[in-house]
């Protein structure tokens, strides 16, 4: 039982280490807005929701 628990703990720590190494931030051209992502920028939740698009629209007025 202890061996299974140790293996599971190792897998969890390894997965967390890999995922935290694959995060980042992207900025728009004028650096007024940024979005964070996990793994690849294409699957960023905030970018998919248009976080920077709405801010850029309000800054143009």
N, C-alpha and C. Protein backbone atom coordinates (compact mmCIF):
# COMPACT_ATOMS: atom_id res chain seq x y z
N UNK A 1 0.81 -1.19 0.00
CA UNK A 1 0.00 0.00 0.00
C UNK A 1 0.86 1.26 0.00
N UNK A 2 1.94 1.26 0.78
CA UNK A 2 2.82 2.43 0.84
C UNK A 2 3.50 2.66 -0.50
N UNK A 3 3.82 1.60 -1.22
CA UNK A 3 4.46 1.73 -2.52
C UNK A 3 3.52 2.37 -3.53
N UNK A 4 2.26 1.99 -3.49
CA UNK A 4 1.26 2.58 -4.40
C UNK A 4 1.08 4.06 -4.08
N UNK A 5 1.02 4.40 -2.82
CA UNK A 5 0.88 5.79 -2.41
C UNK A 5 2.10 6.61 -2.82
N UNK A 6 3.27 6.05 -2.69
CA UNK A 6 4.49 6.75 -3.09
C UNK A 6 4.52 6.96 -4.60
N UNK A 7 4.10 5.96 -5.36
CA UNK A 7 4.06 6.10 -6.82
C UNK A 7 3.05 7.16 -7.24
N UNK A 8 1.90 7.17 -6.59
CA UNK A 8 0.88 8.16 -6.90
C UNK A 8 1.37 9.57 -6.56
N UNK A 9 2.02 9.72 -5.45
CA UNK A 9 2.57 11.01 -5.07
C UNK A 9 3.61 11.47 -6.08
N UNK A 10 4.44 10.56 -6.54
CA UNK A 10 5.45 10.90 -7.54
C UNK A 10 4.80 11.36 -8.84
N UNK A 11 3.77 10.66 -9.28
CA UNK A 11 3.08 11.03 -10.52
C UNK A 11 2.43 12.41 -10.39
N UNK A 12 1.82 12.68 -9.25
CA UNK A 12 1.19 13.98 -9.04
C UNK A 12 2.23 15.10 -9.04
N UNK A 13 3.33 14.90 -8.37
CA UNK A 13 4.40 15.91 -8.33
C UNK A 13 5.00 16.10 -9.72
N UNK A 14 5.22 15.02 -10.44
CA UNK A 14 5.77 15.12 -11.79
C UNK A 14 4.82 15.86 -12.72
N UNK A 15 3.54 15.56 -12.64
CA UNK A 15 2.55 16.24 -13.49
C UNK A 15 2.49 17.73 -13.16
N UNK A 16 2.51 18.06 -11.89
CA UNK A 16 2.47 19.47 -11.49
C UNK A 16 3.72 20.20 -11.97
N UNK A 17 4.86 19.55 -11.91
CA UNK A 17 6.10 20.16 -12.37
C UNK A 17 6.06 20.41 -13.87
N UNK A 18 5.57 19.46 -14.61
CA UNK A 18 5.49 19.62 -16.06
C UNK A 18 4.51 20.73 -16.43
N UNK A 19 3.35 20.74 -15.79
CA UNK A 19 2.35 21.75 -16.13
C UNK A 19 2.77 23.16 -15.74
N UNK A 20 3.44 23.32 -14.62
CA UNK A 20 3.87 24.66 -14.24
C UNK A 20 4.99 25.16 -15.13
N UNK A 21 5.70 24.27 -15.75
CA UNK A 21 6.74 24.67 -16.70
C UNK A 21 6.18 25.06 -18.05
N UNK A 22 4.92 24.81 -18.28
CA UNK A 22 4.29 25.08 -19.57
C UNK A 22 3.24 26.17 -19.48
N UNK A 23 3.49 27.17 -18.68
CA UNK A 23 2.57 28.29 -18.58
C UNK A 23 3.25 29.54 -19.10
N UNK A 24 2.47 30.55 -19.39
CA UNK A 24 3.06 31.78 -19.88
C UNK A 24 2.03 32.89 -19.98
N UNK A 25 2.49 34.00 -20.50
CA UNK A 25 1.65 35.17 -20.69
C UNK A 25 1.90 35.73 -22.07
N UNK A 26 0.84 36.12 -22.75
CA UNK A 26 0.97 36.80 -24.03
C UNK A 26 0.41 38.20 -23.90
N UNK A 27 0.97 39.13 -24.66
CA UNK A 27 0.55 40.53 -24.64
C UNK A 27 0.08 40.94 -26.03
N UNK A 28 -0.79 41.96 -26.07
CA UNK A 28 -1.15 42.51 -27.36
C UNK A 28 -0.04 43.42 -27.86
N UNK A 29 -0.19 43.98 -29.06
CA UNK A 29 0.90 44.75 -29.68
C UNK A 29 1.33 45.96 -28.86
N UNK A 30 0.39 46.69 -28.30
CA UNK A 30 0.76 47.90 -27.55
C UNK A 30 0.95 47.64 -26.06
N UNK A 31 0.97 46.39 -25.65
CA UNK A 31 1.26 45.97 -24.27
C UNK A 31 0.28 46.53 -23.24
N UNK A 32 -0.97 46.75 -23.64
CA UNK A 32 -1.97 47.25 -22.70
C UNK A 32 -2.82 46.14 -22.10
N UNK A 33 -2.67 44.92 -22.62
CA UNK A 33 -3.48 43.82 -22.14
C UNK A 33 -2.67 42.53 -22.25
N UNK A 34 -2.88 41.63 -21.29
CA UNK A 34 -2.18 40.35 -21.32
C UNK A 34 -3.14 39.22 -20.97
N UNK A 35 -2.83 38.04 -21.48
CA UNK A 35 -3.60 36.85 -21.14
C UNK A 35 -2.64 35.76 -20.72
N UNK A 36 -3.03 34.99 -19.73
CA UNK A 36 -2.23 33.87 -19.25
C UNK A 36 -2.72 32.60 -19.90
N UNK A 37 -1.81 31.64 -20.10
CA UNK A 37 -2.21 30.38 -20.71
C UNK A 37 -1.49 29.22 -20.05
N UNK A 38 -2.06 28.04 -20.25
CA UNK A 38 -1.51 26.78 -19.76
C UNK A 38 -1.26 25.91 -20.97
N UNK A 39 -0.06 25.41 -21.14
CA UNK A 39 0.39 24.57 -22.24
C UNK A 39 0.62 25.37 -23.52
N UNK A 40 -0.42 25.83 -24.20
CA UNK A 40 -0.25 26.60 -25.44
C UNK A 40 -1.19 27.81 -25.43
N UNK A 41 -0.79 28.92 -26.03
CA UNK A 41 -1.64 30.12 -26.03
C UNK A 41 -2.98 29.92 -26.75
N UNK A 42 -3.04 28.97 -27.67
CA UNK A 42 -4.27 28.76 -28.43
C UNK A 42 -5.43 28.28 -27.56
N UNK A 43 -5.14 27.68 -26.40
CA UNK A 43 -6.22 27.19 -25.55
C UNK A 43 -6.39 28.03 -24.29
N UNK A 44 -6.00 29.28 -24.36
CA UNK A 44 -6.16 30.20 -23.24
C UNK A 44 -7.64 30.53 -23.06
N UNK A 45 -8.15 30.36 -21.86
CA UNK A 45 -9.56 30.64 -21.58
C UNK A 45 -9.84 32.13 -21.71
N UNK A 46 -8.98 32.96 -21.16
CA UNK A 46 -9.23 34.40 -21.24
C UNK A 46 -9.14 34.92 -22.67
N UNK A 47 -8.26 34.36 -23.47
CA UNK A 47 -8.18 34.76 -24.88
C UNK A 47 -9.41 34.29 -25.64
N UNK A 48 -9.90 33.10 -25.33
CA UNK A 48 -11.10 32.59 -25.99
C UNK A 48 -12.32 33.44 -25.65
N UNK A 49 -12.33 34.01 -24.45
CA UNK A 49 -13.43 34.88 -24.06
C UNK A 49 -13.28 36.30 -24.60
N UNK A 50 -12.14 36.59 -25.20
CA UNK A 50 -11.91 37.91 -25.78
C UNK A 50 -11.55 38.96 -24.75
N UNK A 51 -10.77 38.61 -23.76
CA UNK A 51 -10.42 39.54 -22.68
C UNK A 51 -9.73 40.79 -23.20
N UNK A 52 -8.78 40.64 -24.07
CA UNK A 52 -8.07 41.81 -24.60
C UNK A 52 -8.88 42.52 -25.67
N UNK A 53 -9.73 41.82 -26.37
CA UNK A 53 -10.55 42.46 -27.40
C UNK A 53 -11.48 43.49 -26.80
N UNK A 54 -12.11 43.16 -25.68
CA UNK A 54 -13.05 44.10 -25.07
C UNK A 54 -12.31 45.30 -24.49
N UNK A 55 -11.09 45.10 -23.97
CA UNK A 55 -10.34 46.22 -23.42
C UNK A 55 -9.88 47.14 -24.54
N UNK A 56 -9.44 46.57 -25.65
CA UNK A 56 -9.01 47.39 -26.78
C UNK A 56 -10.17 48.18 -27.36
N UNK A 57 -11.35 47.61 -27.35
CA UNK A 57 -12.53 48.30 -27.87
C UNK A 57 -12.86 49.50 -26.99
N UNK A 58 -12.70 49.37 -25.66
CA UNK A 58 -13.01 50.49 -24.78
C UNK A 58 -11.91 51.54 -24.81
N UNK A 59 -10.66 51.14 -25.10
CA UNK A 59 -9.58 52.12 -25.17
C UNK A 59 -9.62 52.98 -26.42
N UNK A 60 -10.31 52.54 -27.45
CA UNK A 60 -10.36 53.29 -28.71
C UNK A 60 -11.31 54.47 -28.63
N UNK A 61 -12.20 54.50 -27.63
CA UNK A 61 -13.20 55.57 -27.56
C UNK A 61 -12.64 56.79 -26.90
